[in-house]
């Protein structure tokens, strides 16, 4: 399975369109969204080309390929206009022998086991770190933000393909690679 994993679109039609172009270019099976789809949030500036209704409409083209978890800026009203379901705070997928757990990242970390991968958004900063707990060591990844990257990071996403996570800018340039 091949996944494009992205977070924090925050209603930017421009960057949503760029993400959808990347999704098509990658030929991915699924688009895994880590929340904060439409609303920019009270602590964020308005993203470029802020148009939540247009974002919902654009995502409808791939609605059957989307798995989305709820972010702290997602509301019930967002679910009424989005053409796909927003899952509760967590979701899990199993692909290429890897347990991948998804969350926006604003809630507590679920119980994770040895060699699990936990992917969150929320901070708008790419992250790749190994975390040791009493359950073992897991990998914590964050793709950063599609529309409002912080700490001089790029507008980006993660591509998961054949057991490898590729951190990419929206134009497809790899800036980090993690093989499981």
N, C-alpha and C. Protein backbone atom coordinates (compact mmCIF):
# COMPACT_ATOMS: atom_id res chain seq x y z
N UNK A 1 0.84 -1.19 0.00
CA UNK A 1 0.00 0.00 0.00
C UNK A 1 0.87 1.25 0.00
N UNK A 2 0.37 2.23 -0.67
CA UNK A 2 1.05 3.52 -0.74
C UNK A 2 0.11 4.59 -0.19
N UNK A 3 0.60 5.36 0.80
CA UNK A 3 -0.20 6.40 1.43
C UNK A 3 0.47 7.76 1.31
N UNK A 4 -0.32 8.79 1.08
CA UNK A 4 0.10 10.17 1.29
C UNK A 4 -0.51 10.57 2.62
N UNK A 5 0.32 11.08 3.54
CA UNK A 5 -0.11 11.44 4.89
C UNK A 5 0.13 12.93 5.08
N UNK A 6 -0.95 13.66 5.40
CA UNK A 6 -0.84 15.11 5.49
C UNK A 6 -1.68 15.65 6.64
N UNK A 7 -1.37 16.85 7.07
CA UNK A 7 -2.08 17.45 8.19
C UNK A 7 -2.22 18.95 8.00
N UNK A 8 -3.20 19.50 8.69
CA UNK A 8 -3.33 20.94 8.87
C UNK A 8 -3.46 21.72 7.56
N UNK A 9 -4.50 21.40 6.79
CA UNK A 9 -4.81 22.16 5.58
C UNK A 9 -5.38 23.52 5.96
N UNK A 10 -6.14 23.58 7.03
CA UNK A 10 -6.69 24.82 7.60
C UNK A 10 -7.42 25.69 6.58
N UNK A 11 -8.14 25.07 5.66
CA UNK A 11 -8.99 25.82 4.75
C UNK A 11 -8.30 26.48 3.59
N UNK A 12 -7.03 26.21 3.35
CA UNK A 12 -6.31 26.82 2.24
C UNK A 12 -6.58 26.06 0.94
N UNK A 13 -7.33 26.68 0.06
CA UNK A 13 -7.63 26.05 -1.22
C UNK A 13 -6.36 25.89 -2.05
N UNK A 14 -5.48 26.88 -2.00
CA UNK A 14 -4.22 26.80 -2.76
C UNK A 14 -3.41 25.56 -2.36
N UNK A 15 -3.18 25.38 -1.06
CA UNK A 15 -2.34 24.28 -0.62
C UNK A 15 -3.07 22.94 -0.66
N UNK A 16 -4.39 22.96 -0.53
CA UNK A 16 -5.16 21.73 -0.71
C UNK A 16 -5.02 21.25 -2.16
N UNK A 17 -5.09 22.18 -3.09
CA UNK A 17 -4.94 21.84 -4.51
C UNK A 17 -3.55 21.26 -4.77
N UNK A 18 -2.52 21.85 -4.17
CA UNK A 18 -1.16 21.33 -4.33
C UNK A 18 -1.02 19.94 -3.72
N UNK A 19 -1.68 19.72 -2.58
CA UNK A 19 -1.66 18.39 -1.96
C UNK A 19 -2.33 17.37 -2.86
N UNK A 20 -3.46 17.72 -3.44
CA UNK A 20 -4.16 16.79 -4.33
C UNK A 20 -3.34 16.48 -5.58
N UNK A 21 -2.59 17.45 -6.08
CA UNK A 21 -1.68 17.20 -7.21
C UNK A 21 -0.58 16.23 -6.78
N UNK A 22 -0.06 16.39 -5.58
CA UNK A 22 0.97 15.48 -5.07
C UNK A 22 0.39 14.07 -4.90
N UNK A 23 -0.83 13.98 -4.38
CA UNK A 23 -1.49 12.70 -4.20
C UNK A 23 -1.63 11.97 -5.54
N UNK A 24 -2.03 12.70 -6.55
CA UNK A 24 -2.17 12.11 -7.90
C UNK A 24 -0.80 11.72 -8.46
N UNK A 25 0.18 12.60 -8.31
CA UNK A 25 1.53 12.34 -8.82
C UNK A 25 2.14 11.09 -8.16
N UNK A 26 1.88 10.90 -6.87
CA UNK A 26 2.44 9.77 -6.12
C UNK A 26 1.75 8.46 -6.48
N UNK A 27 0.53 8.53 -7.01
CA UNK A 27 -0.21 7.30 -7.32
C UNK A 27 -0.55 6.52 -6.06
N UNK A 28 -0.85 7.22 -4.99
CA UNK A 28 -1.12 6.58 -3.70
C UNK A 28 -2.50 5.94 -3.66
N UNK A 29 -2.61 4.91 -2.83
CA UNK A 29 -3.89 4.22 -2.64
C UNK A 29 -4.83 5.00 -1.73
N UNK A 30 -4.26 5.65 -0.71
CA UNK A 30 -5.06 6.37 0.29
C UNK A 30 -4.43 7.71 0.63
N UNK A 31 -5.28 8.66 0.99
CA UNK A 31 -4.86 9.95 1.51
C UNK A 31 -5.26 9.95 2.99
N UNK A 32 -4.27 9.92 3.87
CA UNK A 32 -4.49 9.90 5.31
C UNK A 32 -4.34 11.33 5.83
N UNK A 33 -5.45 11.90 6.30
CA UNK A 33 -5.45 13.28 6.78
C UNK A 33 -5.51 13.29 8.31
N UNK A 34 -4.65 14.10 8.90
CA UNK A 34 -4.48 14.14 10.35
C UNK A 34 -5.21 15.30 11.01
N UNK A 35 -6.28 15.77 10.39
CA UNK A 35 -7.12 16.78 11.02
C UNK A 35 -6.81 18.21 10.65
N UNK A 36 -7.65 19.10 11.20
CA UNK A 36 -7.63 20.54 10.93
C UNK A 36 -7.74 20.80 9.43
N UNK A 37 -8.87 20.40 8.89
CA UNK A 37 -9.11 20.45 7.45
C UNK A 37 -9.60 21.81 6.97
N UNK A 38 -10.64 22.37 7.61
CA UNK A 38 -11.29 23.56 7.07
C UNK A 38 -11.02 24.85 7.82
N UNK A 39 -11.05 24.83 9.12
CA UNK A 39 -10.96 26.06 9.90
C UNK A 39 -9.50 26.39 10.23
N UNK A 40 -9.16 27.68 10.22
CA UNK A 40 -7.77 28.07 10.46
C UNK A 40 -7.41 28.08 11.94
N UNK A 41 -8.38 28.17 12.82
CA UNK A 41 -8.12 28.17 14.26
C UNK A 41 -7.84 29.56 14.78
N UNK A 42 -8.13 29.81 16.05
CA UNK A 42 -7.99 31.15 16.62
C UNK A 42 -6.54 31.61 16.82
N UNK A 43 -5.60 30.68 16.85
CA UNK A 43 -4.19 31.05 17.07
C UNK A 43 -3.39 31.16 15.79
N UNK A 44 -4.00 30.79 14.66
CA UNK A 44 -3.29 30.80 13.39
C UNK A 44 -3.72 31.98 12.53
N UNK A 45 -2.82 32.48 11.70
CA UNK A 45 -3.24 33.50 10.73
C UNK A 45 -4.10 32.83 9.65
N UNK A 46 -4.83 33.64 8.90
CA UNK A 46 -5.55 33.09 7.76
C UNK A 46 -4.54 32.56 6.76
N UNK A 47 -4.70 31.31 6.33
CA UNK A 47 -3.76 30.78 5.33
C UNK A 47 -4.05 31.39 3.96
N UNK A 48 -3.08 31.29 3.09
CA UNK A 48 -3.22 31.80 1.73
C UNK A 48 -4.40 31.13 1.03
N UNK A 49 -5.21 31.95 0.35
CA UNK A 49 -6.38 31.47 -0.40
C UNK A 49 -7.33 30.69 0.50
N UNK A 50 -7.67 31.30 1.64
CA UNK A 50 -8.58 30.68 2.61
C UNK A 50 -9.97 30.57 2.02
N UNK A 51 -10.43 29.34 1.78
CA UNK A 51 -11.73 29.08 1.17
C UNK A 51 -12.21 27.69 1.57
N UNK A 52 -12.68 27.53 2.81
CA UNK A 52 -13.06 26.21 3.31
C UNK A 52 -14.06 25.47 2.43
N UNK A 53 -15.05 26.14 1.89
CA UNK A 53 -16.04 25.47 1.03
C UNK A 53 -15.38 24.90 -0.22
N UNK A 54 -14.42 25.63 -0.78
CA UNK A 54 -13.71 25.13 -1.96
C UNK A 54 -12.81 23.95 -1.61
N UNK A 55 -12.24 23.95 -0.40
CA UNK A 55 -11.43 22.81 0.06
C UNK A 55 -12.31 21.57 0.15
N UNK A 56 -13.48 21.70 0.77
CA UNK A 56 -14.40 20.56 0.88
C UNK A 56 -14.78 20.04 -0.50
N UNK A 57 -15.04 20.93 -1.41
CA UNK A 57 -15.40 20.53 -2.78
C UNK A 57 -14.23 19.83 -3.47
N UNK A 58 -13.02 20.36 -3.32
CA UNK A 58 -11.84 19.76 -3.96
C UNK A 58 -11.58 18.36 -3.43
N UNK A 59 -11.74 18.17 -2.12
CA UNK A 59 -11.49 16.86 -1.52
C UNK A 59 -12.54 15.82 -1.93
N UNK A 60 -13.69 16.28 -2.39
CA UNK A 60 -14.74 15.34 -2.81
C UNK A 60 -14.29 14.47 -3.98
N UNK A 61 -13.35 14.95 -4.78
CA UNK A 61 -12.85 14.18 -5.93
C UNK A 61 -12.16 12.88 -5.50
N UNK A 62 -11.62 12.85 -4.28
CA UNK A 62 -10.92 11.65 -3.79
C UNK A 62 -11.53 11.13 -2.50
N UNK A 63 -12.76 11.47 -2.23
CA UNK A 63 -13.40 11.15 -0.94
C UNK A 63 -13.36 9.68 -0.58
N UNK A 64 -13.41 8.79 -1.55
CA UNK A 64 -13.39 7.36 -1.25
C UNK A 64 -11.99 6.86 -0.89
N UNK A 65 -11.00 7.69 -1.07
CA UNK A 65 -9.62 7.30 -0.76
C UNK A 65 -9.11 7.97 0.51
N UNK A 66 -9.97 8.72 1.20
CA UNK A 66 -9.55 9.48 2.38
C UNK A 66 -9.88 8.76 3.67
N UNK A 67 -8.90 8.73 4.57
CA UNK A 67 -9.10 8.36 5.97
C UNK A 67 -8.65 9.57 6.77
N UNK A 68 -9.56 10.11 7.59
CA UNK A 68 -9.27 11.37 8.29
C UNK A 68 -9.58 11.24 9.77
N UNK A 69 -8.68 11.71 10.62
CA UNK A 69 -8.94 11.81 12.05
C UNK A 69 -9.25 13.27 12.39
N UNK A 70 -9.93 13.45 13.49
CA UNK A 70 -10.37 14.78 13.91
C UNK A 70 -9.23 15.56 14.54
N UNK A 71 -9.13 16.82 14.14
CA UNK A 71 -8.17 17.73 14.74
C UNK A 71 -8.84 18.67 15.73
N UNK A 72 -8.06 19.45 16.44
CA UNK A 72 -8.62 20.35 17.44
C UNK A 72 -9.42 21.50 16.83
N UNK A 73 -9.25 21.78 15.55
CA UNK A 73 -10.01 22.84 14.89
C UNK A 73 -11.19 22.29 14.07
N UNK A 74 -11.38 20.98 14.05
CA UNK A 74 -12.48 20.38 13.30
C UNK A 74 -13.73 20.34 14.19
N UNK A 75 -14.88 20.64 13.59
CA UNK A 75 -16.12 20.69 14.36
C UNK A 75 -17.21 19.86 13.69
N UNK A 76 -18.32 19.72 14.37
CA UNK A 76 -19.45 18.99 13.80
C UNK A 76 -19.94 19.65 12.52
N UNK A 77 -19.89 20.95 12.47
CA UNK A 77 -20.33 21.67 11.27
C UNK A 77 -19.41 21.35 10.09
N UNK A 78 -18.13 21.16 10.35
CA UNK A 78 -17.20 20.76 9.28
C UNK A 78 -17.63 19.42 8.69
N UNK A 79 -18.01 18.49 9.57
CA UNK A 79 -18.43 17.18 9.10
C UNK A 79 -19.66 17.27 8.20
N UNK A 80 -20.48 18.27 8.41
CA UNK A 80 -21.68 18.44 7.59
C UNK A 80 -21.35 18.85 6.16
N UNK A 81 -20.21 19.50 5.95
CA UNK A 81 -19.87 19.95 4.58
C UNK A 81 -18.79 19.10 3.92
N UNK A 82 -18.05 18.33 4.71
CA UNK A 82 -17.02 17.48 4.12
C UNK A 82 -17.67 16.23 3.52
N UNK A 83 -17.19 15.78 2.37
CA UNK A 83 -17.80 14.64 1.68
C UNK A 83 -17.29 13.28 2.16
N UNK A 84 -16.59 13.24 3.29
CA UNK A 84 -16.05 12.01 3.86
C UNK A 84 -16.16 12.12 5.37
N UNK A 85 -16.11 11.00 6.05
CA UNK A 85 -16.24 10.99 7.50
C UNK A 85 -14.92 11.39 8.17
N UNK A 86 -15.06 12.16 9.23
CA UNK A 86 -13.91 12.43 10.09
C UNK A 86 -14.02 11.44 11.24
N UNK A 87 -13.02 10.59 11.38
CA UNK A 87 -13.00 9.61 12.46
C UNK A 87 -12.79 10.31 13.79
N UNK A 88 -13.03 9.60 14.88
CA UNK A 88 -12.70 10.18 16.18
C UNK A 88 -11.21 10.53 16.25
N UNK A 89 -10.71 10.67 17.44
CA UNK A 89 -9.34 11.16 17.64
C UNK A 89 -8.24 10.26 17.13
N UNK A 90 -8.53 8.97 16.92
CA UNK A 90 -7.49 8.02 16.52
C UNK A 90 -7.98 7.10 15.40
N UNK A 91 -7.05 6.62 14.61
CA UNK A 91 -7.33 5.59 13.60
C UNK A 91 -6.06 4.76 13.48
N UNK A 92 -6.20 3.58 12.91
CA UNK A 92 -5.04 2.70 12.72
C UNK A 92 -5.14 2.03 11.36
N UNK A 93 -3.99 1.85 10.74
CA UNK A 93 -3.89 1.10 9.49
C UNK A 93 -2.71 0.14 9.61
N UNK A 94 -2.80 -0.96 8.91
CA UNK A 94 -1.72 -1.93 8.88
C UNK A 94 -1.33 -2.10 7.43
N UNK A 95 -0.08 -1.85 7.12
CA UNK A 95 0.39 -1.97 5.73
C UNK A 95 1.86 -2.35 5.72
N UNK A 96 2.20 -3.23 4.80
CA UNK A 96 3.60 -3.64 4.61
C UNK A 96 4.24 -4.10 5.91
N UNK A 97 3.47 -4.76 6.78
CA UNK A 97 3.99 -5.26 8.04
C UNK A 97 4.17 -4.21 9.12
N UNK A 98 3.60 -3.02 8.93
CA UNK A 98 3.77 -1.92 9.87
C UNK A 98 2.42 -1.52 10.46
N UNK A 99 2.35 -1.44 11.80
CA UNK A 99 1.19 -0.88 12.48
C UNK A 99 1.35 0.63 12.52
N UNK A 100 0.44 1.35 11.88
CA UNK A 100 0.52 2.81 11.82
C UNK A 100 -0.70 3.37 12.55
N UNK A 101 -0.45 4.15 13.59
CA UNK A 101 -1.50 4.79 14.36
C UNK A 101 -1.53 6.27 14.02
N UNK A 102 -2.74 6.79 13.80
CA UNK A 102 -2.91 8.17 13.37
C UNK A 102 -3.68 8.97 14.41
N UNK A 103 -3.25 10.20 14.66
CA UNK A 103 -3.95 11.12 15.54
C UNK A 103 -3.55 12.53 15.14
N UNK A 104 -4.39 13.48 15.47
CA UNK A 104 -3.99 14.86 15.20
C UNK A 104 -2.81 15.24 16.09
N UNK A 105 -2.82 14.73 17.32
CA UNK A 105 -1.69 14.99 18.21
C UNK A 105 -2.03 15.90 19.38
N UNK A 106 -3.28 16.30 19.51
CA UNK A 106 -3.66 17.19 20.60
C UNK A 106 -4.24 16.42 21.79
N UNK A 107 -4.26 15.11 21.71
CA UNK A 107 -4.74 14.25 22.80
C UNK A 107 -3.56 13.41 23.30
N UNK A 108 -3.82 12.63 24.36
CA UNK A 108 -2.76 11.78 24.91
C UNK A 108 -2.35 10.71 23.91
N UNK A 109 -1.15 10.23 24.08
CA UNK A 109 -0.61 9.18 23.22
C UNK A 109 -1.29 7.86 23.59
N UNK A 110 -1.82 7.13 22.60
CA UNK A 110 -2.44 5.83 22.92
C UNK A 110 -1.37 4.82 23.31
N UNK A 111 -1.77 3.70 23.91
CA UNK A 111 -0.78 2.66 24.23
C UNK A 111 -0.16 2.13 22.93
N UNK A 112 1.12 2.21 22.83
CA UNK A 112 1.83 1.76 21.63
C UNK A 112 2.81 0.67 22.00
N UNK A 113 3.04 -0.22 21.07
CA UNK A 113 3.94 -1.33 21.31
C UNK A 113 5.23 -1.21 20.52
N UNK A 114 6.07 -2.19 20.71
CA UNK A 114 7.36 -2.26 20.03
C UNK A 114 7.18 -2.14 18.52
N UNK A 115 7.91 -1.25 17.90
CA UNK A 115 7.96 -1.06 16.45
C UNK A 115 6.70 -0.46 15.84
N UNK A 116 5.77 0.06 16.67
CA UNK A 116 4.62 0.77 16.13
C UNK A 116 5.09 2.13 15.59
N UNK A 117 4.28 2.69 14.70
CA UNK A 117 4.55 4.03 14.18
C UNK A 117 3.35 4.89 14.54
N UNK A 118 3.61 6.02 15.17
CA UNK A 118 2.56 6.95 15.59
C UNK A 118 2.76 8.23 14.79
N UNK A 119 1.74 8.61 14.03
CA UNK A 119 1.87 9.79 13.17
C UNK A 119 0.84 10.83 13.60
N UNK A 120 1.33 12.04 13.89
CA UNK A 120 0.47 13.14 14.33
C UNK A 120 0.75 14.39 13.49
N UNK A 121 -0.14 15.33 13.60
CA UNK A 121 0.04 16.65 13.01
C UNK A 121 0.14 17.65 14.15
N UNK A 122 -0.71 18.67 14.11
CA UNK A 122 -0.94 19.64 15.18
C UNK A 122 0.16 20.68 15.38
N UNK A 123 1.41 20.29 15.41
CA UNK A 123 2.48 21.25 15.71
C UNK A 123 2.91 22.06 14.49
N UNK A 124 2.58 21.58 13.30
CA UNK A 124 2.95 22.22 12.03
C UNK A 124 4.46 22.15 11.76
N UNK A 125 5.13 21.25 12.46
CA UNK A 125 6.58 21.09 12.32
C UNK A 125 6.89 19.62 12.05
N UNK A 126 7.63 19.30 10.98
CA UNK A 126 7.99 17.90 10.72
C UNK A 126 8.79 17.32 11.89
N UNK A 127 8.56 16.02 12.14
CA UNK A 127 9.21 15.36 13.26
C UNK A 127 9.46 13.91 12.91
N UNK A 128 10.60 13.41 13.35
CA UNK A 128 10.91 11.98 13.27
C UNK A 128 11.75 11.67 14.50
N UNK A 129 11.13 10.95 15.46
CA UNK A 129 11.87 10.62 16.68
C UNK A 129 11.47 9.24 17.17
N UNK A 130 12.44 8.57 17.76
CA UNK A 130 12.21 7.28 18.39
C UNK A 130 11.87 7.56 19.84
N UNK A 131 10.79 6.94 20.32
CA UNK A 131 10.32 7.16 21.69
C UNK A 131 10.31 5.81 22.42
N UNK A 132 10.89 5.78 23.61
CA UNK A 132 10.92 4.57 24.41
C UNK A 132 9.93 4.71 25.56
N UNK A 133 9.05 3.70 25.69
CA UNK A 133 8.09 3.65 26.79
C UNK A 133 8.17 2.28 27.43
N UNK A 134 7.36 2.05 28.45
CA UNK A 134 7.35 0.73 29.08
C UNK A 134 6.81 -0.33 28.13
N UNK A 135 6.12 0.08 27.05
CA UNK A 135 5.61 -0.86 26.05
C UNK A 135 6.62 -1.17 24.96
N UNK A 136 7.74 -0.50 24.99
CA UNK A 136 8.77 -0.69 23.97
C UNK A 136 9.08 0.61 23.26
N UNK A 137 9.75 0.49 22.16
CA UNK A 137 10.18 1.66 21.39
C UNK A 137 9.27 1.81 20.17
N UNK A 138 8.74 3.03 19.97
CA UNK A 138 7.94 3.30 18.78
C UNK A 138 8.50 4.53 18.06
N UNK A 139 8.10 4.69 16.83
CA UNK A 139 8.54 5.82 16.01
C UNK A 139 7.43 6.85 15.94
N UNK A 140 7.75 8.10 16.27
CA UNK A 140 6.78 9.20 16.20
C UNK A 140 7.15 10.09 15.01
N UNK A 141 6.20 10.23 14.08
CA UNK A 141 6.41 11.06 12.89
C UNK A 141 5.37 12.16 12.83
N UNK A 142 5.72 13.26 12.20
CA UNK A 142 4.80 14.37 11.96
C UNK A 142 5.16 14.95 10.59
N UNK A 143 4.19 15.05 9.67
CA UNK A 143 4.50 15.59 8.34
C UNK A 143 4.64 17.10 8.30
N UNK A 144 4.35 17.79 9.40
CA UNK A 144 4.30 19.25 9.38
C UNK A 144 2.93 19.69 8.87
N UNK A 145 2.86 20.85 8.29
CA UNK A 145 1.58 21.40 7.83
C UNK A 145 1.57 21.60 6.32
N UNK A 146 0.42 21.29 5.74
CA UNK A 146 0.23 21.55 4.32
C UNK A 146 0.22 23.06 4.07
N UNK A 147 -0.50 23.82 4.91
CA UNK A 147 -0.72 25.24 4.59
C UNK A 147 -0.02 26.24 5.50
N UNK A 148 0.24 25.89 6.74
CA UNK A 148 0.82 26.84 7.70
C UNK A 148 2.02 26.25 8.42
N UNK A 149 3.10 25.92 7.69
CA UNK A 149 4.27 25.34 8.35
C UNK A 149 4.91 26.33 9.32
N UNK A 150 5.49 25.78 10.38
CA UNK A 150 6.15 26.61 11.39
C UNK A 150 7.62 26.25 11.49
N UNK A 151 8.37 27.10 12.17
CA UNK A 151 9.81 26.92 12.41
C UNK A 151 10.59 26.74 11.11
N UNK A 152 10.26 27.54 10.12
CA UNK A 152 10.96 27.54 8.82
C UNK A 152 10.90 26.21 8.09
N UNK A 153 9.88 25.40 8.38
CA UNK A 153 9.72 24.14 7.66
C UNK A 153 8.95 24.40 6.36
N UNK A 154 8.95 23.41 5.49
CA UNK A 154 8.30 23.54 4.19
C UNK A 154 6.84 23.06 4.26
N UNK A 155 6.04 23.51 3.32
CA UNK A 155 4.70 22.96 3.12
C UNK A 155 4.92 21.52 2.67
N UNK A 156 4.42 20.54 3.43
CA UNK A 156 4.79 19.18 3.06
C UNK A 156 3.85 18.10 3.51
N UNK A 157 4.29 16.86 3.28
CA UNK A 157 3.54 15.65 3.59
C UNK A 157 4.53 14.51 3.73
N UNK A 158 4.01 13.35 4.12
CA UNK A 158 4.81 12.12 4.17
C UNK A 158 4.22 11.15 3.16
N UNK A 159 5.09 10.49 2.41
CA UNK A 159 4.69 9.39 1.55
C UNK A 159 5.16 8.11 2.21
N UNK A 160 4.24 7.13 2.40
CA UNK A 160 4.60 5.80 2.88
C UNK A 160 4.52 4.87 1.70
N UNK A 161 5.63 4.19 1.40
CA UNK A 161 5.68 3.28 0.26
C UNK A 161 6.66 2.16 0.55
N UNK A 162 6.17 0.92 0.50
CA UNK A 162 7.01 -0.27 0.68
C UNK A 162 7.85 -0.23 1.96
N UNK A 163 7.23 0.15 3.08
CA UNK A 163 7.93 0.14 4.36
C UNK A 163 8.84 1.31 4.60
N UNK A 164 8.79 2.34 3.75
CA UNK A 164 9.63 3.52 3.93
C UNK A 164 8.75 4.77 3.98
N UNK A 165 9.08 5.67 4.92
CA UNK A 165 8.41 6.96 5.03
C UNK A 165 9.32 8.02 4.41
N UNK A 166 8.78 8.74 3.43
CA UNK A 166 9.51 9.82 2.77
C UNK A 166 8.87 11.14 3.15
N UNK A 167 9.62 12.00 3.79
CA UNK A 167 9.15 13.35 4.07
C UNK A 167 9.39 14.18 2.81
N UNK A 168 8.32 14.83 2.31
CA UNK A 168 8.43 15.54 1.05
C UNK A 168 7.82 16.94 1.13
N UNK A 169 8.35 17.83 0.32
CA UNK A 169 7.71 19.12 0.12
C UNK A 169 6.57 18.91 -0.86
N UNK A 170 5.64 19.86 -0.93
CA UNK A 170 4.49 19.70 -1.82
C UNK A 170 4.88 19.55 -3.29
N UNK A 171 6.07 20.02 -3.67
CA UNK A 171 6.50 19.84 -5.05
C UNK A 171 7.23 18.51 -5.27
N UNK A 172 7.27 17.66 -4.22
CA UNK A 172 7.78 16.30 -4.37
C UNK A 172 9.22 16.07 -3.99
N UNK A 173 9.91 17.08 -3.49
CA UNK A 173 11.32 16.90 -3.10
C UNK A 173 11.41 16.20 -1.75
N UNK A 174 12.19 15.12 -1.70
CA UNK A 174 12.40 14.37 -0.46
C UNK A 174 13.41 15.12 0.40
N UNK A 175 13.06 15.34 1.67
CA UNK A 175 14.03 15.95 2.58
C UNK A 175 14.39 15.04 3.76
N UNK A 176 13.71 13.91 3.88
CA UNK A 176 14.07 12.91 4.89
C UNK A 176 13.46 11.58 4.49
N UNK A 177 14.17 10.51 4.80
CA UNK A 177 13.71 9.16 4.47
C UNK A 177 13.92 8.26 5.68
N UNK A 178 12.88 7.49 6.05
CA UNK A 178 12.96 6.60 7.20
C UNK A 178 12.47 5.22 6.77
N UNK A 179 13.37 4.25 6.78
CA UNK A 179 13.00 2.89 6.41
C UNK A 179 12.69 2.10 7.67
N UNK A 180 11.61 1.36 7.63
CA UNK A 180 11.20 0.55 8.79
C UNK A 180 11.77 -0.84 8.66
